[in-house]
C-alpha cells in the first residue's frame, strides 16, 4: 500500500499496488476486482527516483513519463528504497540496460524484502462520521459585546469553545473530533503567497446544544489538508472523489470544511464552497431526486439563478445531504419575506410560527450592515454577492430521501431581536431555566468570540428522522457569526 497523488485534481489517496509484468496496477481496496488505474513502466522516460515534496514535507517516489510524473510514497520512508529497486529493475530491463541497484540514501537501514506487499491500514480510534447528519454520531446580560479582532480568529474560536457546557470534557470524542478538524486548517505560515485569506465562521443554537464550525481559504492551500481530514475521520472514498469532481467542475477560488456537533454526541462534517455560482451548477453537487427538481422549479418560478454557497456532508452512511444558500429575490424586505414564506410551503415545510414571524416582520434588517463586522461568507458585507448582507436568504438542504432542512436567514439582527428570538416558541428548551439564561449564554459566547453580534440569525426546520437522535428536529433558532480572517503573509 502507498499513498499516490491524483492526476486531474492533485490530492493524495491511499492505493493498493501490484506489479505484474511491466505494469504497476493500483486499486482502491484489497477487495476491489476492478483496477482503479495503472502505470506502464515501459513509458518511463528515466529511472524512478526519490524526491522531496515541499507541500507534503516528506520524501516521495517519482516515476517520470512523457505524459506526467507519477508521485507516491509508502507509509514508512525506509520502504521507499525497496520500491525504487523494484521499479528500476523493470525500467532498466525495458530500456535494454543492465539492471543496477538504485543508490540508497544514507539513512537506509539495510536490505528489505524483495517486494513490498499491500497491507490493510490499522483501524483508527479517531471519531468517525458514521451518518449523514449526525452520529452517536446566569448572570447579568451583557449590554454590548466587545470586539476583539486583534486576536487571531482561531484563538478566539478556541476561547469561545470553552464556554459551551457540553464541550468541557477534554477527553470526549466530540472534542477530539473538533481538534482533528482544527489541525486540518492550514497555518498562517503556510499561507505565504496566497491570493485570499482564511475565514472562520461559527453557528450556535439558542439553547447552546448544537454548534457548526466553518473555515475556508484558497483552494491550493486547503484541498490536501481537507482530504486528509476526511480520510482521518472515516469519510468514504466515493465522497472524496465527489469533492474532487465538483471542485473540478466549479473550480472555486475558495473552498472550506465544516463540522457539526451536539450535546447528545452528534458529529458530522463536510465541505463547502463559499462562492457565487449558477444555481444549476451548484445542484450538480446534490443527489438527483424530487427535492432537487423542486428546487429547480421554485428557482425558475422566482427568477433565482444564483447561489452564494454550496456544500455537502461526508458522512459514512447515506443519504448524502447537500446545502445551498441563496439570496431571496425582491426589491424590498416585504417582497423577499413573501417569497421565503412561499418557499416553506412549496417545499412541504411547516409555516414559521406566528410569534416568530411577528419578530421578523417588526424588525426588518438594516439596509446597510452595521460597522465592525468582518466579511460574511467570503464577501464584504453589503457588497454584490455578499449573501445575507444583501437581504433575506434561504438555506436549503436536500437528499435523495427528501428535503432535510430549510432555514430563513436574517442578516445582522439587533440585540433586541436576538433577545426576542431566544424568547420565541421556536427557541423554547427544557435545558434552559429561563429566557434570560439563554440570552446571557448567547452574549457570553459572543464576548468570547470577540464579535459585535451575529452576522445573521436563522429560523430553521429539521425534518423528522433527520436528527438521528442527536440533533433537535422541528424548528430551531441558530445564530451565525463571522469570526474574522487570517490574512496571508
Protein backbone atom coordinates (compact mmCIF):
# COMPACT_ATOMS: atom_id res chain seq x y z
CA UNK A 1 0.00 0.00 0.00
CA UNK A 2 1.17 3.50 -0.82
CA UNK A 3 -0.31 7.00 -0.96
CA UNK A 4 -0.50 8.29 -4.53
CA UNK A 5 -1.09 11.75 -5.97
CA UNK A 6 -4.01 12.06 -8.37
CA UNK A 7 -3.75 13.48 -11.85
CA UNK A 8 -6.68 15.74 -12.76
CA UNK A 9 -7.00 17.00 -9.17
CA UNK A 10 -3.69 16.66 -7.29
CA UNK A 11 -4.86 15.21 -3.99
CA UNK A 12 -3.23 12.23 -2.27
CA UNK A 13 -5.08 8.95 -1.67
CA UNK A 14 -4.11 5.52 -0.37
CA UNK A 15 -3.91 2.85 -3.06
CA UNK A 16 -3.01 -0.84 -3.14
CA UNK A 17 -0.31 -1.61 -5.73
CA UNK A 18 0.51 -4.81 -7.61
CA UNK A 19 3.38 -5.05 -10.08
CA UNK A 20 2.53 -7.62 -12.76
CA UNK A 21 4.87 -7.91 -15.72
CA UNK A 22 5.81 -4.39 -16.75
CA UNK A 23 2.65 -2.77 -15.40
CA UNK A 24 2.03 -1.31 -11.96
CA UNK A 25 -1.69 -1.69 -11.18
CA UNK A 26 -3.39 0.11 -8.30
CA UNK A 27 -6.71 -0.48 -6.55
CA UNK A 28 -8.85 1.42 -4.02
CA UNK A 29 -9.05 -1.57 -1.65
CA UNK A 30 -7.62 -5.07 -1.43
CA UNK A 31 -11.10 -6.46 -2.21
CA UNK A 32 -11.61 -4.50 -5.44
CA UNK A 33 -11.80 -6.59 -8.58
CA UNK A 34 -11.73 -3.53 -10.84
CA UNK A 35 -8.46 -1.71 -11.39
CA UNK A 36 -8.54 1.97 -10.43
CA UNK A 37 -5.56 2.76 -12.68
CA UNK A 38 -2.24 1.56 -13.96
CA UNK A 39 1.26 2.80 -14.73
CA UNK A 40 3.06 1.14 -17.64
CA UNK A 41 6.76 1.16 -16.71
CA UNK A 42 7.73 0.93 -20.37
CA UNK A 43 6.55 4.57 -20.62
CA UNK A 44 9.09 5.73 -18.03
CA UNK A 45 11.46 8.28 -19.58
CA UNK A 46 14.11 7.86 -16.86
CA UNK A 47 14.63 5.76 -13.78
CA UNK A 48 12.30 6.20 -10.85
CA UNK A 49 13.88 8.34 -8.19
CA UNK A 50 13.37 9.77 -4.74
CA UNK A 51 12.47 13.43 -4.34
CA UNK A 52 11.34 15.75 -1.57
CA UNK A 53 7.80 17.09 -1.89
CA UNK A 54 7.62 20.54 -0.29
CA UNK A 55 3.83 20.51 0.21
CA UNK A 56 3.74 17.07 1.82
CA UNK A 57 7.03 17.82 3.61
CA UNK A 58 8.32 14.31 3.02
CA UNK A 59 10.23 12.12 0.59
CA UNK A 60 8.24 10.60 -2.28
CA UNK A 61 8.83 8.28 -5.24
CA UNK A 62 8.72 9.86 -8.71
CA UNK A 63 8.14 7.83 -11.89
CA UNK A 64 8.63 10.20 -14.87
CA UNK A 65 6.75 9.54 -18.12
CA UNK A 66 6.16 11.71 -21.17
CA UNK A 67 2.58 12.32 -20.08
CA UNK A 68 3.19 13.11 -16.39
CA UNK A 69 5.32 12.27 -13.40
CA UNK A 70 3.61 9.84 -11.03
CA UNK A 71 4.22 10.58 -7.33
CA UNK A 72 3.63 8.17 -4.44
CA UNK A 73 5.04 7.18 -1.07
CA UNK A 74 4.77 4.23 1.35
CA UNK A 75 3.82 4.69 4.99
CA UNK A 76 7.45 4.32 6.08
CA UNK A 77 10.32 6.26 4.49
CA UNK A 78 12.59 3.25 4.86
CA UNK A 79 10.38 1.32 2.42
CA UNK A 80 10.98 3.82 -0.40
CA UNK A 81 14.23 2.12 -1.42
CA UNK A 82 12.72 -1.33 -1.93
CA UNK A 83 10.03 0.12 -4.19
CA UNK A 84 12.64 2.06 -6.18
CA UNK A 85 14.76 -1.05 -6.66
CA UNK A 86 11.70 -2.99 -7.80
CA UNK A 87 10.61 -0.33 -10.31
CA UNK A 88 14.06 0.40 -11.70
CA UNK A 89 14.88 -3.26 -12.23
CA UNK A 90 11.93 -3.36 -14.65
CA UNK A 91 12.62 0.06 -16.21
CA UNK A 92 16.28 -0.70 -16.94
CA UNK A 93 15.39 -4.07 -18.43
CA UNK A 94 12.82 -2.40 -20.70
CA UNK A 95 15.38 0.18 -21.79
CA UNK A 96 17.93 -2.53 -22.62
CA UNK A 97 20.28 -1.67 -19.77
CA UNK A 98 21.85 -3.99 -17.27
CA UNK A 99 19.94 -3.72 -14.03
CA UNK A 100 21.83 -1.82 -11.37
CA UNK A 101 20.78 -1.10 -7.83
CA UNK A 102 19.32 2.31 -7.16
CA UNK A 103 21.66 4.30 -4.87
CA UNK A 104 20.40 4.05 -1.31
CA UNK A 105 20.05 7.12 0.88
CA UNK A 106 22.49 7.44 3.75
CA UNK A 107 19.76 6.71 6.27
CA UNK A 108 18.91 3.28 4.77
CA UNK A 109 18.69 0.61 7.45
CA UNK A 110 19.76 -2.28 5.27
CA UNK A 111 18.21 -4.78 2.86
CA UNK A 112 14.44 -5.17 2.68
CA UNK A 113 12.23 -7.94 1.33
CA UNK A 114 12.29 -8.24 -2.46
CA UNK A 115 8.82 -6.78 -2.99
CA UNK A 116 6.56 -4.89 -0.57
CA UNK A 117 3.19 -6.48 -0.02
CA UNK A 118 -0.01 -4.44 0.32
CA UNK A 119 -1.23 -4.26 3.88
CA UNK A 120 -4.54 -3.24 5.34
CA UNK A 121 -4.32 0.04 7.27
CA UNK A 122 -4.65 -0.24 11.01
CA UNK A 123 -8.03 0.78 12.35
CA UNK A 124 -8.17 4.29 13.73
CA UNK A 125 -9.59 5.20 17.12
CA UNK A 126 -10.39 8.70 15.90
CA UNK A 127 -14.01 9.85 15.84
CA UNK A 128 -15.77 8.60 12.71
CA UNK A 129 -18.50 10.32 10.73
CA UNK A 130 -20.99 7.46 10.62
CA UNK A 131 -24.22 9.06 9.50
CA UNK A 132 -25.14 11.80 7.13
CA UNK A 133 -26.31 14.36 9.68
CA UNK A 134 -25.02 13.07 12.98
CA UNK A 135 -23.89 10.01 14.83
CA UNK A 136 -23.69 8.73 18.23
CA UNK A 137 -22.67 10.15 15.93
CA UNK A 138 -26.87 33.16 34.66
CA UNK A 139 -25.55 36.35 35.29
CA UNK A 140 -26.35 39.77 34.01
CA UNK A 141 -26.98 40.32 30.32
CA UNK A 142 -24.03 42.00 28.64
CA UNK A 143 -25.26 45.22 27.11
CA UNK A 144 -22.72 45.28 24.32
CA UNK A 145 -20.34 42.62 23.06
CA UNK A 146 -16.73 43.78 23.00
CA UNK A 147 -15.00 43.26 19.66
CA UNK A 148 -11.56 41.69 19.55
CA UNK A 149 -10.23 41.43 16.01
CA UNK A 150 -6.61 41.82 17.15
CA UNK A 151 -6.58 38.23 18.43
CA UNK A 152 -6.29 35.62 15.63
CA UNK A 153 -9.70 34.08 14.85
CA UNK A 154 -8.62 30.51 15.52
CA UNK A 155 -7.58 31.57 19.02
CA UNK A 156 -10.95 33.23 19.56
CA UNK A 157 -12.95 30.19 18.45
CA UNK A 158 -10.88 28.07 20.87
CA UNK A 159 -11.70 30.61 23.60
CA UNK A 160 -15.42 30.57 22.74
CA UNK A 161 -15.45 26.78 22.76
CA UNK A 162 -14.62 26.88 26.47
CA UNK A 163 -17.96 28.50 27.34
CA UNK A 164 -20.02 25.69 25.75
CA UNK A 165 -21.14 23.40 28.60
CA UNK A 166 -21.07 20.12 26.65
CA UNK A 167 -17.52 20.78 25.39
CA UNK A 168 -15.86 20.89 28.80
CA UNK A 169 -14.76 17.23 28.78
CA UNK A 170 -11.38 17.31 27.05
CA UNK A 171 -11.42 13.52 26.59
CA UNK A 172 -14.75 13.34 24.76
CA UNK A 173 -14.98 12.10 21.18
CA UNK A 174 -16.69 15.35 20.21
CA UNK A 175 -13.71 17.35 21.49
CA UNK A 176 -11.30 15.03 19.71
CA UNK A 177 -13.27 15.49 16.51
CA UNK A 178 -13.07 19.28 16.88
CA UNK A 179 -9.31 19.14 17.49
CA UNK A 180 -8.70 16.99 14.40
CA UNK A 181 -10.70 19.50 12.34
CA UNK A 182 -8.82 22.49 13.79
CA UNK A 183 -5.47 20.87 12.99
CA UNK A 184 -6.58 20.36 9.38
CA UNK A 185 -6.70 24.12 8.79
CA UNK A 186 -3.53 25.48 7.15
CA UNK A 187 -1.42 27.63 9.45
CA UNK A 188 -0.64 31.27 8.70
CA UNK A 189 2.95 30.23 7.91
CA UNK A 190 1.58 28.03 5.11
CA UNK A 191 -0.28 30.91 3.51
CA UNK A 192 2.74 32.68 2.03
CA UNK A 193 1.79 33.98 -1.41
CA UNK A 194 -1.89 33.02 -1.03
CA UNK A 195 -4.35 35.00 -3.12
CA UNK A 196 -7.05 35.04 -0.44
CA UNK A 197 -7.35 34.79 3.33
CA UNK A 198 -8.62 32.05 5.67
CA UNK A 199 -12.08 32.84 7.02
CA UNK A 200 -13.76 31.44 10.13
CA UNK A 201 -17.48 31.14 10.97
CA UNK A 202 -19.38 29.63 13.90
CA UNK A 203 -23.11 28.92 14.26
CA UNK A 204 -24.72 28.25 17.64
CA UNK A 205 -28.28 27.19 18.50
CA UNK A 206 -30.05 29.43 21.01
CA UNK A 207 -30.08 26.65 23.63
CA UNK A 208 -26.32 26.03 23.08
CA UNK A 209 -26.99 22.37 22.27
CA UNK A 210 -25.55 22.45 18.74
CA UNK A 211 -22.61 24.16 17.01
CA UNK A 212 -21.36 24.35 13.46
CA UNK A 213 -17.77 25.40 12.77
CA UNK A 214 -16.76 26.53 9.27
CA UNK A 215 -13.49 27.62 7.72
CA UNK A 216 -12.50 28.33 4.13
CA UNK A 217 -9.45 29.53 2.25
CA UNK A 218 -7.59 29.35 -1.06
CA UNK A 219 -8.15 26.09 -2.90
CA UNK A 220 -4.48 25.29 -3.44
CA UNK A 221 -3.69 25.69 0.28
CA UNK A 222 -6.78 23.87 1.60
CA UNK A 223 -7.50 20.93 -0.68
CA UNK A 224 -4.93 18.41 0.52
CA UNK A 225 -5.43 19.09 4.22
CA UNK A 226 -9.19 18.84 3.76
CA UNK A 227 -8.86 15.48 2.02
CA UNK A 228 -6.52 14.24 4.75
CA UNK A 229 -9.06 15.33 7.39
CA UNK A 230 -11.87 13.44 5.68
CA UNK A 231 -9.68 10.34 5.42
CA UNK A 232 -8.84 10.58 9.13
CA UNK A 233 -12.48 10.70 10.23
CA UNK A 234 -13.64 7.85 8.01
CA UNK A 235 -15.33 9.62 5.10
CA UNK A 236 -15.97 7.21 2.21
CA UNK A 237 -13.64 7.45 -0.76
CA UNK A 238 -16.58 7.87 -3.13
CA UNK A 239 -17.43 11.15 -1.41
CA UNK A 240 -13.82 12.34 -1.54
CA UNK A 241 -13.93 11.61 -5.27
CA UNK A 242 -17.19 13.58 -5.43
CA UNK A 243 -15.46 16.55 -3.80
CA UNK A 244 -12.72 16.39 -6.42
CA UNK A 245 -15.22 16.10 -9.27
CA UNK A 246 -17.40 19.00 -8.12
CA UNK A 247 -14.29 21.06 -7.40
CA UNK A 248 -13.04 20.48 -10.93
CA UNK A 249 -16.46 21.47 -12.30
CA UNK A 250 -16.85 24.68 -10.28
CA UNK A 251 -13.14 25.48 -9.76
CA UNK A 252 -13.81 27.79 -6.79
CA UNK A 253 -11.28 30.34 -5.62
CA UNK A 254 -12.08 29.36 -2.03
CA UNK A 255 -13.03 26.01 -0.54
CA UNK A 256 -13.75 25.04 3.03
CA UNK A 257 -14.73 22.41 5.56
CA UNK A 258 -17.37 22.37 8.27
CA UNK A 259 -18.22 20.23 11.25
CA UNK A 260 -21.43 19.90 13.29
CA UNK A 261 -21.61 18.72 16.89
CA UNK A 262 -24.29 18.46 19.54
CA UNK A 263 -24.66 17.95 23.27
CA UNK A 264 -26.01 14.44 22.58
CA UNK A 265 -22.80 13.36 20.87
CA UNK A 266 -23.71 14.26 17.30
CA UNK A 267 -20.80 14.65 14.90
CA UNK A 268 -20.90 15.36 11.19
CA UNK A 269 -18.70 17.13 8.70
CA UNK A 270 -18.28 18.05 5.09
CA UNK A 271 -17.07 20.59 2.57
CA UNK A 272 -18.44 23.84 1.16
CA UNK A 273 -17.57 26.41 -1.50
CA UNK A 274 -18.34 30.00 -0.36
CA UNK A 275 -18.54 31.34 -3.90
CA UNK A 276 -21.31 32.83 -6.01
CA UNK A 277 -22.15 30.48 -8.87
CA UNK A 278 -25.07 29.50 -11.07
CA UNK A 279 -27.68 27.57 -9.08
CA UNK A 280 -27.86 24.87 -11.76
CA UNK A 281 -24.12 24.32 -11.37
CA UNK A 282 -24.45 24.08 -7.58
CA UNK A 283 -27.19 21.46 -7.95
CA UNK A 284 -24.61 19.21 -9.64
CA UNK A 285 -23.27 18.61 -6.11
CA UNK A 286 -26.63 17.21 -4.97
CA UNK A 287 -28.02 13.71 -5.39
CA UNK A 288 -30.70 13.52 -8.06
CA UNK A 289 -34.21 13.26 -6.68
CA UNK A 290 -37.51 15.04 -6.19
CA UNK A 291 -36.06 17.72 -3.86
CA UNK A 292 -33.55 18.95 -6.45
CA UNK A 293 -36.30 19.01 -9.06
CA UNK A 294 -38.48 21.07 -6.73
CA UNK A 295 -35.63 23.50 -6.02
CA UNK A 296 -35.14 23.97 -9.76
CA UNK A 297 -38.87 24.52 -10.30
CA UNK A 298 -39.09 27.01 -7.44
CA UNK A 299 -35.99 28.85 -8.66
CA UNK A 300 -37.33 29.12 -12.21
CA UNK A 301 -40.66 30.42 -10.95
CA UNK A 302 -38.98 33.09 -8.82
CA UNK A 303 -36.16 34.09 -11.19
CA UNK A 304 -33.47 32.75 -8.84
CA UNK A 305 -30.45 31.78 -10.91
CA UNK A 306 -27.52 32.17 -8.48
CA UNK A 307 -26.44 30.93 -5.06
CA UNK A 308 -23.62 32.13 -2.84
CA UNK A 309 -22.60 28.86 -1.19
CA UNK A 310 -22.85 25.12 -1.86
CA UNK A 311 -21.69 22.29 0.39
CA UNK A 312 -22.11 18.59 1.08
CA UNK A 313 -21.78 16.25 4.04
CA UNK A 314 -19.15 13.50 4.12
CA UNK A 315 -20.85 11.07 6.49
CA UNK A 316 -20.07 7.40 6.10
CA UNK A 317 -23.70 6.41 5.56
CA UNK A 318 -26.24 7.76 3.06
CA UNK A 319 -28.40 9.64 2.40
CA UNK A 320 -25.96 12.39 1.43
CA UNK A 321 -27.01 15.93 2.20
CA UNK A 322 -26.27 18.97 0.06
CA UNK A 323 -26.75 22.54 1.30
CA UNK A 324 -27.31 25.50 -1.00
CA UNK A 325 -27.56 29.06 0.29
CA UNK A 326 -29.17 31.69 -1.90
CA UNK A 327 -30.40 35.25 -1.69
CA UNK A 328 -34.13 35.77 -1.95
CA UNK A 329 -35.40 37.85 -4.86
CA UNK A 330 -37.38 41.03 -4.31
CA UNK A 331 -36.87 44.76 -4.39
CA UNK A 332 -37.62 45.19 -0.69
CA UNK A 333 -37.85 43.33 2.60
CA UNK A 334 -41.60 42.64 2.30
CA UNK A 335 -41.34 41.01 -1.11
CA UNK A 336 -38.36 38.90 -0.03
CA UNK A 337 -40.24 37.70 3.03
CA UNK A 338 -43.26 36.71 0.92
CA UNK A 339 -41.02 34.60 -1.33
CA UNK A 340 -39.45 32.98 1.74
CA UNK A 341 -42.80 32.03 3.27
CA UNK A 342 -43.97 30.62 -0.07
CA UNK A 343 -40.78 28.53 -0.21
CA UNK A 344 -41.59 26.91 3.15
CA UNK A 345 -44.98 25.90 1.73
CA UNK A 346 -43.68 24.89 -1.71
CA UNK A 347 -41.01 22.58 -0.23
CA UNK A 348 -43.50 20.99 2.19
CA UNK A 349 -42.24 22.54 5.45
CA UNK A 350 -44.48 23.84 8.26
CA UNK A 351 -45.15 27.57 8.36
CA UNK A 352 -42.99 29.68 10.68
CA UNK A 353 -44.94 30.11 13.95
CA UNK A 354 -46.83 33.39 14.34
CA UNK A 355 -44.79 34.76 17.25
CA UNK A 356 -41.52 34.12 15.41
CA UNK A 357 -42.91 35.58 12.20
CA UNK A 358 -44.01 38.67 14.12
CA UNK A 359 -40.42 39.23 15.29
CA UNK A 360 -39.22 39.16 11.68
CA UNK A 361 -41.95 41.47 10.36
CA UNK A 362 -41.49 44.04 13.12
CA UNK A 363 -37.71 44.10 12.83
CA UNK A 364 -36.60 44.31 9.19
CA UNK A 365 -32.84 44.01 8.71
CA UNK A 366 -30.78 47.17 8.19
CA UNK A 367 -30.31 48.46 4.66
CA UNK A 368 -26.58 48.64 5.25
CA UNK A 369 -24.50 46.42 7.54
CA UNK A 370 -23.52 47.84 10.93
CA UNK A 371 -19.87 48.82 11.24
CA UNK A 372 -17.37 46.45 12.78
CA UNK A 373 -18.40 43.20 11.07
CA UNK A 374 -15.87 41.05 9.20
CA UNK A 375 -16.70 39.68 5.74
CA UNK A 376 -19.64 37.28 5.59
CA UNK A 377 -19.20 34.01 3.67
CA UNK A 378 -16.15 35.28 1.84
CA UNK A 379 -17.66 38.62 0.74
CA UNK A 380 -17.64 42.10 2.21
CA UNK A 381 -20.98 42.79 3.92
CA UNK A 382 -23.38 44.68 1.70
CA UNK A 383 -21.38 44.11 -1.46
CA UNK A 384 -22.68 42.30 -4.52
CA UNK A 385 -22.61 38.59 -3.82
CA UNK A 386 -22.36 39.12 -0.07
CA UNK A 387 -25.09 36.65 0.74
CA UNK A 388 -27.29 37.54 3.70
CA UNK A 389 -25.86 41.06 3.90
CA UNK A 390 -27.77 41.80 0.69
CA UNK A 391 -31.13 40.82 2.23
CA UNK A 392 -33.00 37.75 3.40
CA UNK A 393 -31.62 34.40 2.31
CA UNK A 394 -32.51 30.70 2.36
CA UNK A 395 -30.51 27.67 3.36
CA UNK A 396 -31.88 24.58 1.59
CA UNK A 397 -30.62 21.09 2.39
CA UNK A 398 -31.67 18.21 0.14
CA UNK A 399 -31.02 14.48 -0.02
CA UNK A 400 -32.09 11.56 -2.16
CA UNK A 401 -34.65 10.70 0.55
CA UNK A 402 -36.28 14.12 0.71
CA UNK A 403 -35.77 17.62 1.99
CA UNK A 404 -33.63 17.63 5.13
CA UNK A 405 -33.76 21.20 6.41
CA UNK A 406 -34.92 24.67 5.41
CA UNK A 407 -33.76 27.87 7.04
CA UNK A 408 -34.61 31.57 6.72
CA UNK A 409 -31.52 33.74 7.24
CA UNK A 410 -32.00 37.25 8.64
CA UNK A 411 -28.90 39.49 8.38
CA UNK A 412 -27.46 41.47 11.28
CA UNK A 413 -30.18 41.08 13.92
CA UNK A 414 -30.09 43.72 16.64
CA UNK A 415 -29.56 42.77 20.26
CA UNK A 416 -33.28 43.26 20.89
CA UNK A 417 -34.04 40.84 18.04
CA UNK A 418 -31.62 38.28 19.49
CA UNK A 419 -33.38 38.53 22.85
CA UNK A 420 -36.81 38.23 21.23
CA UNK A 421 -35.75 35.20 19.18
CA UNK A 422 -34.39 33.49 22.30
CA UNK A 423 -37.81 34.01 23.87
CA UNK A 424 -39.85 32.76 20.93
CA UNK A 425 -41.78 29.49 20.98
CA UNK A 426 -39.24 28.08 18.50
CA UNK A 427 -36.35 28.50 20.92
CA UNK A 428 -38.06 27.01 23.98
CA UNK A 429 -35.98 24.26 25.56
CA UNK A 430 -36.18 22.25 28.76
CA UNK A 431 -32.42 22.67 29.04
CA UNK A 432 -32.87 26.37 29.86
CA UNK A 433 -34.28 27.62 33.12
CA UNK A 434 -35.37 30.93 31.59
CA UNK A 435 -35.20 33.13 28.53
CA UNK A 436 -32.78 35.34 30.43
CA UNK A 437 -30.42 32.39 30.83
CA UNK A 438 -30.46 31.82 27.08
CA UNK A 439 -29.76 35.48 26.37
CA UNK A 440 -26.93 35.63 28.92
CA UNK A 441 -25.35 32.49 27.45
CA UNK A 442 -25.51 33.82 23.89
CA UNK A 443 -23.95 37.15 24.85
CA UNK A 444 -21.24 35.38 26.83
CA UNK A 445 -20.41 33.31 23.77
CA UNK A 446 -20.28 36.45 21.59
CA UNK A 447 -17.92 38.12 24.06
CA UNK A 448 -15.65 35.09 23.94
CA UNK A 449 -15.65 35.22 20.14
CA UNK A 450 -14.91 38.94 20.24
CA UNK A 451 -17.57 39.80 17.66
CA UNK A 452 -20.14 42.62 17.70
CA UNK A 453 -23.07 40.25 17.23
CA UNK A 454 -24.49 37.67 14.82
CA UNK A 455 -23.86 38.15 11.12
CA UNK A 456 -27.30 36.63 10.74
CA UNK A 457 -29.93 34.71 12.65
CA UNK A 458 -31.78 31.72 11.26
CA UNK A 459 -35.18 30.18 11.82
CA UNK A 460 -34.66 26.61 10.59
CA UNK A 461 -36.75 23.47 10.44
CA UNK A 462 -35.14 20.00 10.51
CA UNK A 463 -37.44 17.32 9.13
CA UNK A 464 -38.37 14.27 11.16
CA UNK A 465 -35.92 11.33 11.10
CA UNK A 466 -33.00 13.55 10.01
CA UNK A 467 -31.97 14.35 13.59
CA UNK A 468 -30.77 10.75 14.16
CA UNK A 469 -31.47 11.11 17.88
CA UNK A 470 -28.65 13.63 18.37
CA UNK A 471 -29.99 16.83 16.75
CA UNK A 472 -33.18 18.74 17.50
CA UNK A 473 -35.89 18.06 14.92
CA UNK A 474 -38.55 20.63 14.11
CA UNK A 475 -37.97 24.38 14.43
CA UNK A 476 -34.86 25.87 15.98
CA UNK A 477 -33.14 29.25 16.30
CA UNK A 478 -29.49 29.48 15.24
CA UNK A 479 -27.13 32.45 15.37
CA UNK A 480 -24.30 32.67 12.83
CA UNK A 481 -21.07 34.56 13.50
CA UNK A 482 -18.42 35.76 11.08
CA UNK A 483 -15.37 35.45 13.33
CA UNK A 484 -12.78 37.01 11.04
CA UNK A 485 -9.88 36.22 8.74
CA UNK A 486 -6.26 35.09 8.92
CA UNK A 487 -4.61 37.21 6.25
CA UNK A 488 -1.86 35.76 4.04
CA UNK A 489 1.65 36.97 4.76
